[in-house]
Amino acid sequence: VPQGSVLGPVLYLVYTNDIPLVSGVTLSLYADDAMFLCESLSVARATAIMQSQMDKLSPWLVKWRTAINTDKSNSICFRKQRKMPRILPDPVTLDDEPIAWKSQCKYLGVVLDSRLNFGPHAMGKVREAKRISGCIGSLINFRSPLSMSNKRALYLLVIRSVMMYACTAWWTNCSSSNRRKLEVIQNKA
């Protein structure tokens, strides 16, 4: 099916509709990105559940002649405690290929960290907004010949859209200090 075709999304849903799931595992799909989620009070138990999921997924991948690049895949443990356990269980594997434990990973453009406080995501957005501000600063500063409405449009389209991407997912859990850093960038622009 050609990319962008009207039938593409429907056929993709039909194709992925029968992905097998272990009890207690949730699948989140968006285009060609997939996330398997499970919940447990114990990291070891969550790892065992996820390993069962990968074992169940493997025959489906063979059946549909598709593959998952384990080098681009991550395992992450979301926890309320400040620190990850000192010793993490062995990594989950898919066809004997380990899926590495990470303290943060990027999913659909949002950096998810193990505490879900979105600090790394917010700081990445601050750096990106500073870089963009530096590039277009001469166009939006007070000496620029552009009208205020054009400066505002440029700011909204280029800087604020980058800073606020997917903010409904991360803003409420973002610390007040990181929010302030984002607001400082916004006020400078």
N, C-alpha and C. Protein backbone atom coordinates (compact mmCIF):
# COMPACT_ATOMS: atom_id res chain seq x y z
N VAL A 1 0.86 -1.17 0.00
CA VAL A 1 0.00 0.00 0.00
C VAL A 1 0.90 1.23 0.00
N PRO A 2 0.69 2.16 -0.93
CA PRO A 2 1.52 3.37 -0.97
C PRO A 2 1.32 4.22 0.29
N GLN A 3 2.42 4.81 0.76
CA GLN A 3 2.35 5.67 1.93
C GLN A 3 1.45 6.86 1.61
N GLY A 4 0.58 7.21 2.57
CA GLY A 4 -0.32 8.34 2.39
C GLY A 4 -1.62 7.99 1.70
N SER A 5 -1.81 6.71 1.36
CA SER A 5 -3.05 6.33 0.69
C SER A 5 -4.22 6.36 1.68
N VAL A 6 -5.41 6.49 1.16
CA VAL A 6 -6.61 6.54 1.99
C VAL A 6 -6.81 5.21 2.71
N LEU A 7 -6.49 4.12 2.03
CA LEU A 7 -6.70 2.79 2.58
C LEU A 7 -5.61 2.38 3.57
N GLY A 8 -4.47 3.07 3.56
CA GLY A 8 -3.31 2.70 4.38
C GLY A 8 -3.61 2.52 5.85
N PRO A 9 -4.22 3.50 6.53
CA PRO A 9 -4.49 3.34 7.96
C PRO A 9 -5.41 2.17 8.28
N VAL A 10 -6.40 1.94 7.45
CA VAL A 10 -7.33 0.82 7.68
C VAL A 10 -6.59 -0.51 7.54
N LEU A 11 -5.79 -0.64 6.49
CA LEU A 11 -5.05 -1.88 6.29
C LEU A 11 -4.03 -2.10 7.41
N TYR A 12 -3.42 -1.03 7.90
CA TYR A 12 -2.48 -1.15 9.01
C TYR A 12 -3.20 -1.66 10.26
N LEU A 13 -4.40 -1.15 10.52
CA LEU A 13 -5.17 -1.62 11.68
C LEU A 13 -5.54 -3.09 11.54
N VAL A 14 -5.92 -3.50 10.35
CA VAL A 14 -6.23 -4.91 10.11
C VAL A 14 -4.98 -5.76 10.34
N TYR A 15 -3.86 -5.29 9.84
CA TYR A 15 -2.59 -6.00 9.94
C TYR A 15 -2.15 -6.17 11.39
N THR A 16 -2.31 -5.12 12.21
CA THR A 16 -1.83 -5.17 13.60
C THR A 16 -2.90 -5.59 14.60
N ASN A 17 -4.11 -5.81 14.14
CA ASN A 17 -5.22 -6.11 15.04
C ASN A 17 -5.04 -7.40 15.83
N ASP A 18 -4.28 -8.33 15.30
CA ASP A 18 -4.15 -9.62 15.98
C ASP A 18 -2.82 -9.79 16.71
N ILE A 19 -2.16 -8.68 17.05
CA ILE A 19 -0.93 -8.80 17.85
C ILE A 19 -1.32 -9.43 19.19
N PRO A 20 -0.69 -10.55 19.52
CA PRO A 20 -1.07 -11.24 20.76
C PRO A 20 -0.58 -10.48 21.99
N LEU A 21 -1.42 -10.46 23.02
CA LEU A 21 -1.06 -9.79 24.27
C LEU A 21 -1.21 -10.74 25.44
N VAL A 22 -0.26 -10.69 26.34
CA VAL A 22 -0.32 -11.43 27.59
C VAL A 22 -1.24 -10.67 28.53
N SER A 23 -1.92 -11.37 29.41
CA SER A 23 -2.78 -10.72 30.39
C SER A 23 -1.98 -9.71 31.21
N GLY A 24 -2.51 -8.51 31.34
CA GLY A 24 -1.84 -7.47 32.10
C GLY A 24 -0.95 -6.56 31.27
N VAL A 25 -0.85 -6.83 29.97
CA VAL A 25 -0.02 -6.00 29.09
C VAL A 25 -0.93 -5.17 28.20
N THR A 26 -0.60 -3.90 28.06
CA THR A 26 -1.33 -2.98 27.18
C THR A 26 -0.42 -2.62 26.02
N LEU A 27 -1.00 -2.52 24.83
CA LEU A 27 -0.25 -2.14 23.64
C LEU A 27 -0.70 -0.77 23.19
N SER A 28 0.26 0.11 22.97
CA SER A 28 -0.01 1.44 22.43
C SER A 28 0.65 1.53 21.07
N LEU A 29 -0.15 1.74 20.02
CA LEU A 29 0.36 1.81 18.66
C LEU A 29 0.13 3.19 18.07
N TYR A 30 1.13 3.69 17.39
CA TYR A 30 0.97 4.91 16.61
C TYR A 30 1.86 4.77 15.39
N ALA A 31 1.26 4.72 14.22
CA ALA A 31 1.99 4.49 12.97
C ALA A 31 2.87 3.26 13.15
N ASP A 32 4.18 3.39 12.99
CA ASP A 32 5.03 2.21 13.13
C ASP A 32 5.73 2.15 14.49
N ASP A 33 5.25 2.94 15.46
CA ASP A 33 5.79 2.89 16.82
C ASP A 33 4.85 2.08 17.71
N ALA A 34 5.43 1.21 18.50
CA ALA A 34 4.64 0.39 19.42
C ALA A 34 5.26 0.47 20.81
N MET A 35 4.39 0.46 21.82
CA MET A 35 4.85 0.44 23.20
C MET A 35 4.02 -0.60 23.95
N PHE A 36 4.72 -1.53 24.58
CA PHE A 36 4.06 -2.51 25.44
C PHE A 36 4.24 -2.02 26.87
N LEU A 37 3.14 -2.00 27.63
CA LEU A 37 3.16 -1.51 29.01
C LEU A 37 2.60 -2.56 29.94
N CYS A 38 3.20 -2.69 31.11
CA CYS A 38 2.62 -3.53 32.15
C CYS A 38 2.86 -2.87 33.50
N GLU A 39 2.11 -3.29 34.48
CA GLU A 39 2.18 -2.67 35.79
C GLU A 39 2.41 -3.76 36.83
N SER A 40 3.31 -3.50 37.76
CA SER A 40 3.58 -4.45 38.84
C SER A 40 4.24 -3.71 39.99
N LEU A 41 4.09 -4.24 41.19
CA LEU A 41 4.76 -3.66 42.35
C LEU A 41 6.23 -4.05 42.39
N SER A 42 6.59 -5.07 41.61
CA SER A 42 7.96 -5.57 41.60
C SER A 42 8.56 -5.45 40.21
N VAL A 43 9.80 -4.96 40.13
CA VAL A 43 10.49 -4.85 38.85
C VAL A 43 10.69 -6.24 38.26
N ALA A 44 11.04 -7.20 39.12
CA ALA A 44 11.26 -8.57 38.64
C ALA A 44 9.98 -9.14 38.03
N ARG A 45 8.85 -8.89 38.67
CA ARG A 45 7.57 -9.40 38.16
C ARG A 45 7.22 -8.71 36.84
N ALA A 46 7.40 -7.41 36.76
CA ALA A 46 7.12 -6.68 35.52
C ALA A 46 8.01 -7.20 34.39
N THR A 47 9.26 -7.48 34.71
CA THR A 47 10.18 -8.02 33.70
C THR A 47 9.71 -9.39 33.22
N ALA A 48 9.26 -10.23 34.15
CA ALA A 48 8.76 -11.56 33.78
C ALA A 48 7.53 -11.45 32.89
N ILE A 49 6.63 -10.53 33.22
CA ILE A 49 5.43 -10.33 32.39
C ILE A 49 5.84 -9.87 30.99
N MET A 50 6.76 -8.92 30.93
CA MET A 50 7.18 -8.40 29.64
C MET A 50 7.93 -9.46 28.83
N GLN A 51 8.70 -10.33 29.51
CA GLN A 51 9.38 -11.41 28.79
C GLN A 51 8.35 -12.37 28.20
N SER A 52 7.29 -12.65 28.95
CA SER A 52 6.21 -13.49 28.42
C SER A 52 5.59 -12.84 27.19
N GLN A 53 5.44 -11.52 27.24
CA GLN A 53 4.88 -10.80 26.09
C GLN A 53 5.77 -10.94 24.87
N MET A 54 7.07 -10.76 25.05
CA MET A 54 8.01 -10.87 23.92
C MET A 54 8.03 -12.29 23.37
N ASP A 55 7.92 -13.29 24.27
CA ASP A 55 7.88 -14.69 23.82
C ASP A 55 6.62 -14.96 23.00
N LYS A 56 5.52 -14.33 23.39
CA LYS A 56 4.26 -14.50 22.65
C LYS A 56 4.27 -13.71 21.34
N LEU A 57 4.99 -12.61 21.32
CA LEU A 57 5.06 -11.77 20.12
C LEU A 57 5.91 -12.40 19.02
N SER A 58 6.94 -13.11 19.40
CA SER A 58 7.91 -13.65 18.45
C SER A 58 7.28 -14.48 17.32
N PRO A 59 6.39 -15.45 17.62
CA PRO A 59 5.77 -16.21 16.52
C PRO A 59 4.90 -15.32 15.61
N TRP A 60 4.27 -14.30 16.17
CA TRP A 60 3.47 -13.38 15.36
C TRP A 60 4.35 -12.65 14.36
N LEU A 61 5.52 -12.22 14.81
CA LEU A 61 6.46 -11.53 13.92
C LEU A 61 6.91 -12.44 12.78
N VAL A 62 7.14 -13.71 13.09
CA VAL A 62 7.54 -14.68 12.06
C VAL A 62 6.39 -14.89 11.08
N LYS A 63 5.18 -15.07 11.63
CA LYS A 63 4.00 -15.31 10.79
C LYS A 63 3.80 -14.18 9.79
N TRP A 64 3.96 -12.94 10.23
CA TRP A 64 3.70 -11.79 9.37
C TRP A 64 4.97 -11.25 8.70
N ARG A 65 6.04 -12.00 8.83
CA ARG A 65 7.32 -11.65 8.18
C ARG A 65 7.73 -10.21 8.45
N THR A 66 7.70 -9.89 9.72
CA THR A 66 8.12 -8.56 10.14
C THR A 66 9.15 -8.70 11.26
N ALA A 67 9.84 -7.64 11.56
CA ALA A 67 10.89 -7.71 12.58
C ALA A 67 10.89 -6.44 13.41
N ILE A 68 11.42 -6.57 14.61
CA ILE A 68 11.61 -5.43 15.49
C ILE A 68 13.10 -5.25 15.68
N ASN A 69 13.57 -4.04 15.50
CA ASN A 69 14.98 -3.74 15.69
C ASN A 69 15.23 -3.56 17.18
N THR A 70 15.83 -4.56 17.82
CA THR A 70 16.05 -4.48 19.27
C THR A 70 17.06 -3.39 19.63
N ASP A 71 17.91 -2.99 18.68
CA ASP A 71 18.85 -1.90 18.95
C ASP A 71 18.12 -0.56 19.11
N LYS A 72 16.95 -0.44 18.51
CA LYS A 72 16.16 0.79 18.62
C LYS A 72 15.05 0.65 19.67
N SER A 73 15.04 -0.47 20.38
CA SER A 73 14.03 -0.73 21.40
C SER A 73 14.63 -0.52 22.78
N ASN A 74 13.80 -0.14 23.74
CA ASN A 74 14.25 0.12 25.11
C ASN A 74 13.30 -0.51 26.10
N SER A 75 13.84 -0.85 27.26
CA SER A 75 13.04 -1.21 28.42
C SER A 75 13.23 -0.09 29.43
N ILE A 76 12.16 0.32 30.03
CA ILE A 76 12.26 1.38 31.05
C ILE A 76 11.31 1.03 32.18
N CYS A 77 11.74 1.31 33.39
CA CYS A 77 10.93 1.03 34.57
C CYS A 77 10.52 2.37 35.16
N PHE A 78 9.22 2.65 35.14
CA PHE A 78 8.72 3.89 35.72
C PHE A 78 8.47 3.64 37.20
N ARG A 79 9.06 4.51 38.04
CA ARG A 79 8.95 4.33 39.49
C ARG A 79 8.73 5.68 40.17
N LYS A 80 8.09 5.62 41.33
CA LYS A 80 7.91 6.84 42.12
C LYS A 80 9.18 7.18 42.89
N GLN A 81 9.95 6.16 43.28
CA GLN A 81 11.17 6.40 44.04
C GLN A 81 12.17 7.17 43.20
N ARG A 82 13.04 7.91 43.89
CA ARG A 82 14.03 8.73 43.21
C ARG A 82 15.00 7.90 42.37
N LYS A 83 15.42 6.78 42.90
CA LYS A 83 16.47 6.03 42.21
C LYS A 83 15.94 4.71 41.69
N MET A 84 16.55 4.28 40.62
CA MET A 84 16.27 2.96 40.07
C MET A 84 16.86 1.94 41.04
N PRO A 85 16.35 0.70 41.03
CA PRO A 85 16.98 -0.31 41.87
C PRO A 85 18.45 -0.47 41.47
N ARG A 86 19.29 -0.76 42.47
CA ARG A 86 20.73 -0.90 42.19
C ARG A 86 20.99 -2.00 41.18
N ILE A 87 20.26 -3.08 41.31
CA ILE A 87 20.46 -4.21 40.40
C ILE A 87 19.15 -4.43 39.64
N LEU A 88 19.20 -4.17 38.36
CA LEU A 88 18.04 -4.44 37.52
C LEU A 88 18.07 -5.89 37.09
N PRO A 89 16.90 -6.48 36.88
CA PRO A 89 16.88 -7.85 36.37
C PRO A 89 17.54 -7.92 35.00
N ASP A 90 17.82 -9.13 34.56
CA ASP A 90 18.35 -9.29 33.21
C ASP A 90 17.39 -8.63 32.23
N PRO A 91 17.92 -8.11 31.12
CA PRO A 91 17.03 -7.43 30.17
C PRO A 91 16.04 -8.39 29.53
N VAL A 92 14.92 -7.84 29.16
CA VAL A 92 13.93 -8.59 28.38
C VAL A 92 14.58 -8.89 27.03
N THR A 93 14.29 -10.05 26.48
CA THR A 93 14.87 -10.40 25.18
C THR A 93 13.77 -10.69 24.17
N LEU A 94 14.08 -10.46 22.93
CA LEU A 94 13.21 -10.82 21.82
C LEU A 94 14.06 -11.66 20.88
N ASP A 95 13.71 -12.93 20.75
CA ASP A 95 14.50 -13.87 19.95
C ASP A 95 15.97 -13.85 20.37
N ASP A 96 16.21 -13.92 21.66
CA ASP A 96 17.55 -13.95 22.26
C ASP A 96 18.35 -12.66 22.08
N GLU A 97 17.73 -11.61 21.59
CA GLU A 97 18.38 -10.30 21.48
C GLU A 97 17.92 -9.45 22.66
N PRO A 98 18.84 -8.96 23.49
CA PRO A 98 18.43 -8.17 24.66
C PRO A 98 17.88 -6.80 24.28
N ILE A 99 16.90 -6.38 25.04
CA ILE A 99 16.34 -5.03 24.92
C ILE A 99 16.84 -4.27 26.15
N ALA A 100 17.74 -3.34 25.93
CA ALA A 100 18.48 -2.69 27.02
C ALA A 100 17.59 -1.88 27.95
N TRP A 101 17.96 -1.90 29.24
CA TRP A 101 17.33 -1.03 30.22
C TRP A 101 17.85 0.38 30.02
N LYS A 102 16.97 1.35 30.08
CA LYS A 102 17.34 2.76 29.95
C LYS A 102 16.67 3.54 31.08
N SER A 103 17.27 4.67 31.43
CA SER A 103 16.65 5.53 32.44
C SER A 103 15.69 6.53 31.79
N GLN A 104 15.82 6.68 30.47
CA GLN A 104 14.89 7.52 29.72
C GLN A 104 14.86 7.05 28.27
N CYS A 105 13.74 7.31 27.62
CA CYS A 105 13.62 6.96 26.20
C CYS A 105 12.67 7.97 25.54
N LYS A 106 12.77 8.05 24.24
CA LYS A 106 11.93 8.99 23.49
C LYS A 106 10.82 8.20 22.81
N TYR A 107 9.58 8.65 22.99
CA TYR A 107 8.44 8.01 22.34
C TYR A 107 7.56 9.11 21.76
N LEU A 108 7.37 9.07 20.47
CA LEU A 108 6.56 10.05 19.75
C LEU A 108 7.01 11.48 20.05
N GLY A 109 8.31 11.67 20.16
CA GLY A 109 8.86 13.00 20.35
C GLY A 109 8.90 13.49 21.79
N VAL A 110 8.46 12.68 22.74
CA VAL A 110 8.47 13.06 24.15
C VAL A 110 9.47 12.17 24.88
N VAL A 111 10.38 12.79 25.64
CA VAL A 111 11.35 12.02 26.42
C VAL A 111 10.68 11.57 27.71
N LEU A 112 10.56 10.26 27.87
CA LEU A 112 9.98 9.67 29.07
C LEU A 112 11.13 9.27 29.99
N ASP A 113 11.13 9.77 31.22
CA ASP A 113 12.17 9.38 32.17
C ASP A 113 11.57 8.44 33.20
N SER A 114 12.42 7.74 33.94
CA SER A 114 11.95 6.68 34.83
C SER A 114 11.03 7.18 35.94
N ARG A 115 11.09 8.46 36.30
CA ARG A 115 10.20 9.00 37.33
C ARG A 115 9.00 9.74 36.75
N LEU A 116 8.94 9.83 35.44
CA LEU A 116 7.87 10.55 34.74
C LEU A 116 7.69 11.98 35.26
N ASN A 117 8.83 12.64 35.54
CA ASN A 117 8.74 14.05 35.92
C ASN A 117 9.08 14.96 34.74
N PHE A 118 9.46 14.35 33.63
CA PHE A 118 9.69 15.04 32.35
C PHE A 118 10.77 16.11 32.41
N GLY A 119 11.67 16.02 33.39
CA GLY A 119 12.80 16.95 33.47
C GLY A 119 13.68 16.90 32.22
N PRO A 120 14.13 15.70 31.80
CA PRO A 120 14.97 15.65 30.59
C PRO A 120 14.25 16.18 29.35
N HIS A 121 12.94 15.95 29.27
CA HIS A 121 12.18 16.46 28.13
C HIS A 121 12.14 17.99 28.15
N ALA A 122 11.81 18.55 29.32
CA ALA A 122 11.72 20.01 29.44
C ALA A 122 13.07 20.66 29.15
N MET A 123 14.15 20.10 29.67
CA MET A 123 15.47 20.68 29.44
C MET A 123 15.86 20.58 27.96
N GLY A 124 15.47 19.51 27.31
CA GLY A 124 15.71 19.39 25.87
C GLY A 124 14.95 20.46 25.10
N LYS A 125 13.73 20.74 25.52
CA LYS A 125 12.93 21.78 24.87
C LYS A 125 13.53 23.17 25.12
N VAL A 126 14.08 23.40 26.32
CA VAL A 126 14.74 24.68 26.61
C VAL A 126 15.93 24.86 25.67
N ARG A 127 16.77 23.82 25.54
CA ARG A 127 17.94 23.91 24.64
C ARG A 127 17.51 24.15 23.20
N GLU A 128 16.47 23.43 22.76
CA GLU A 128 16.00 23.58 21.38
C GLU A 128 15.44 24.98 21.14
N ALA A 129 14.66 25.49 22.10
CA ALA A 129 14.09 26.83 21.95
C ALA A 129 15.18 27.90 21.95
N LYS A 130 16.22 27.72 22.77
CA LYS A 130 17.35 28.67 22.77
C LYS A 130 18.05 28.67 21.42
N ARG A 131 18.26 27.49 20.88
CA ARG A 131 18.93 27.37 19.58
C ARG A 131 18.11 28.07 18.49
N ILE A 132 16.80 27.82 18.49
CA ILE A 132 15.93 28.44 17.49
C ILE A 132 15.88 29.95 17.70
N SER A 133 15.79 30.39 18.95
CA SER A 133 15.78 31.83 19.24
C SER A 133 17.03 32.50 18.71
N GLY A 134 18.16 31.82 18.87
CA GLY A 134 19.41 32.36 18.35
C GLY A 134 19.39 32.50 16.84
N CYS A 135 18.74 31.56 16.17
CA CYS A 135 18.68 31.59 14.71
C CYS A 135 17.75 32.69 14.19
N ILE A 136 16.63 32.88 14.88
CA ILE A 136 15.65 33.86 14.36
C ILE A 136 15.59 35.12 15.20
N GLY A 137 16.52 35.25 16.16
CA GLY A 137 16.51 36.40 17.07
C GLY A 137 16.50 37.74 16.36
N SER A 138 17.26 37.84 15.27
CA SER A 138 17.33 39.13 14.56
C SER A 138 16.00 39.46 13.88
N LEU A 139 15.17 38.45 13.67
CA LEU A 139 13.87 38.71 13.03
C LEU A 139 12.80 39.13 14.04
N ILE A 140 12.98 38.73 15.31
CA ILE A 140 11.92 39.01 16.28
C ILE A 140 12.34 40.00 17.36
N ASN A 141 13.59 40.50 17.33
CA ASN A 141 13.98 41.47 18.36
C ASN A 141 13.36 42.84 18.08
N PHE A 142 13.55 43.77 19.02
CA PHE A 142 12.88 45.08 18.91
C PHE A 142 13.39 45.92 17.74
N ARG A 143 14.57 45.62 17.20
CA ARG A 143 15.11 46.39 16.07
C ARG A 143 14.63 45.85 14.72
N SER A 144 13.98 44.73 14.74
CA SER A 144 13.55 44.11 13.48
C SER A 144 12.48 44.98 12.80
N PRO A 145 12.54 45.07 11.47
CA PRO A 145 11.53 45.86 10.75
C PRO A 145 10.18 45.15 10.65
N LEU A 146 10.11 43.89 11.07
CA LEU A 146 8.83 43.17 10.99
C LEU A 146 7.80 43.80 11.93
N SER A 147 6.55 43.72 11.54
CA SER A 147 5.48 44.22 12.40
C SER A 147 5.34 43.30 13.62
N MET A 148 4.73 43.82 14.67
CA MET A 148 4.54 43.03 15.89
C MET A 148 3.72 41.78 15.61
N SER A 149 2.72 41.88 14.75
CA SER A 149 1.90 40.69 14.44
C SER A 149 2.72 39.64 13.70
N ASN A 150 3.64 40.07 12.83
CA ASN A 150 4.51 39.10 12.15
C ASN A 150 5.51 38.46 13.11
N LYS A 151 6.04 39.27 14.03
CA LYS A 151 6.96 38.73 15.04
C LYS A 151 6.24 37.70 15.92
N ARG A 152 5.02 38.06 16.30
CA ARG A 152 4.24 37.15 17.14
C ARG A 152 3.94 35.85 16.39
N ALA A 153 3.56 35.96 15.13
CA ALA A 153 3.28 34.77 14.33
C ALA A 153 4.52 33.90 14.20
N LEU A 154 5.66 34.52 13.97
CA LEU A 154 6.92 33.78 13.86
C LEU A 154 7.25 33.08 15.17
N TYR A 155 7.09 33.79 16.28
CA TYR A 155 7.32 33.20 17.60
C TYR A 155 6.40 32.00 17.82
N LEU A 156 5.10 32.19 17.57
CA LEU A 156 4.14 31.12 17.81
C LEU A 156 4.42 29.90 16.93
N LEU A 157 4.74 30.14 15.67
CA LEU A 157 4.96 29.04 14.73
C LEU A 157 6.27 28.31 14.95
N VAL A 158 7.30 29.04 15.31
CA VAL A 158 8.63 28.43 15.35
C VAL A 158 9.08 28.07 16.77
N ILE A 159 8.94 28.97 17.71
CA ILE A 159 9.48 28.71 19.05
C ILE A 159 8.45 28.03 19.95
N ARG A 160 7.29 28.64 20.09
CA ARG A 160 6.32 28.08 21.02
C ARG A 160 5.83 26.71 20.59
N SER A 161 5.68 26.47 19.29
CA SER A 161 5.22 25.16 18.85
C SER A 161 6.22 24.07 19.23
N VAL A 162 7.51 24.39 19.20
CA VAL A 162 8.55 23.43 19.60
C VAL A 162 8.47 23.19 21.11
N MET A 163 8.37 24.28 21.88
CA MET A 163 8.35 24.16 23.33
C MET A 163 7.13 23.42 23.85
N MET A 164 6.00 23.63 23.22
CA MET A 164 4.75 23.09 23.76
C MET A 164 4.27 21.81 23.08
N TYR A 165 5.10 21.21 22.24
CA TYR A 165 4.71 19.97 21.57
C TYR A 165 4.30 18.92 22.61
N ALA A 166 3.12 18.39 22.47
CA ALA A 166 2.58 17.33 23.34
C ALA A 166 2.52 17.75 24.81
N CYS A 167 2.37 19.04 25.08
CA CYS A 167 2.41 19.52 26.46
C CYS A 167 1.29 18.95 27.32
N THR A 168 0.19 18.56 26.72
CA THR A 168 -0.90 17.97 27.52
C THR A 168 -0.46 16.65 28.15
N ALA A 169 0.55 16.02 27.59
CA ALA A 169 1.05 14.75 28.14
C ALA A 169 2.06 14.97 29.27
N TRP A 170 2.81 16.06 29.24
CA TRP A 170 3.91 16.20 30.19
C TRP A 170 3.86 17.43 31.10
N TRP A 171 3.12 18.45 30.77
CA TRP A 171 3.18 19.72 31.51
C TRP A 171 2.80 19.57 32.98
N THR A 172 1.75 18.83 33.29
CA THR A 172 1.29 18.74 34.68
C THR A 172 2.29 18.03 35.59
N ASN A 173 3.10 17.12 35.04
CA ASN A 173 4.10 16.43 35.86
C ASN A 173 5.47 17.12 35.82
N CYS A 174 5.59 18.17 35.06
CA CYS A 174 6.85 18.90 34.94
C CYS A 174 7.05 19.74 36.20
N SER A 175 8.25 19.72 36.77
CA SER A 175 8.51 20.46 38.01
C SER A 175 8.37 21.96 37.77
N SER A 176 8.10 22.68 38.86
CA SER A 176 7.93 24.14 38.73
C SER A 176 9.22 24.81 38.28
N SER A 177 10.38 24.27 38.68
CA SER A 177 11.65 24.89 38.25
C SER A 177 11.84 24.71 36.74
N ASN A 178 11.47 23.56 36.20
CA ASN A 178 11.58 23.36 34.75
C ASN A 178 10.54 24.19 34.00
N ARG A 179 9.37 24.35 34.59
CA ARG A 179 8.36 25.21 33.97
C ARG A 179 8.87 26.65 33.88
N ARG A 180 9.51 27.10 34.97
CA ARG A 180 10.05 28.46 34.99
C ARG A 180 11.10 28.65 33.90
N LYS A 181 11.95 27.65 33.70
CA LYS A 181 12.97 27.74 32.65
C LYS A 181 12.32 27.88 31.28
N LEU A 182 11.24 27.15 31.05
CA LEU A 182 10.52 27.27 29.79
C LEU A 182 9.89 28.66 29.66
N GLU A 183 9.34 29.17 30.76
CA GLU A 183 8.71 30.49 30.73
C GLU A 183 9.73 31.60 30.49
N VAL A 184 10.95 31.45 31.03
CA VAL A 184 12.00 32.44 30.81
C VAL A 184 12.32 32.52 29.33
N ILE A 185 12.47 31.37 28.69
CA ILE A 185 12.74 31.34 27.24
C ILE A 185 11.60 32.01 26.49
N GLN A 186 10.38 31.70 26.91
CA GLN A 186 9.20 32.26 26.25
C GLN A 186 9.20 33.78 26.40
N ASN A 187 9.53 34.28 27.58
CA ASN A 187 9.53 35.73 27.81
C ASN A 187 10.64 36.45 27.05
N LYS A 188 11.78 35.78 26.87
CA LYS A 188 12.89 36.38 26.13
C LYS A 188 12.59 36.48 24.65
N ALA A 189 11.81 35.54 24.14
CA ALA A 189 11.55 35.49 22.69
C ALA A 189 10.58 36.52 22.24
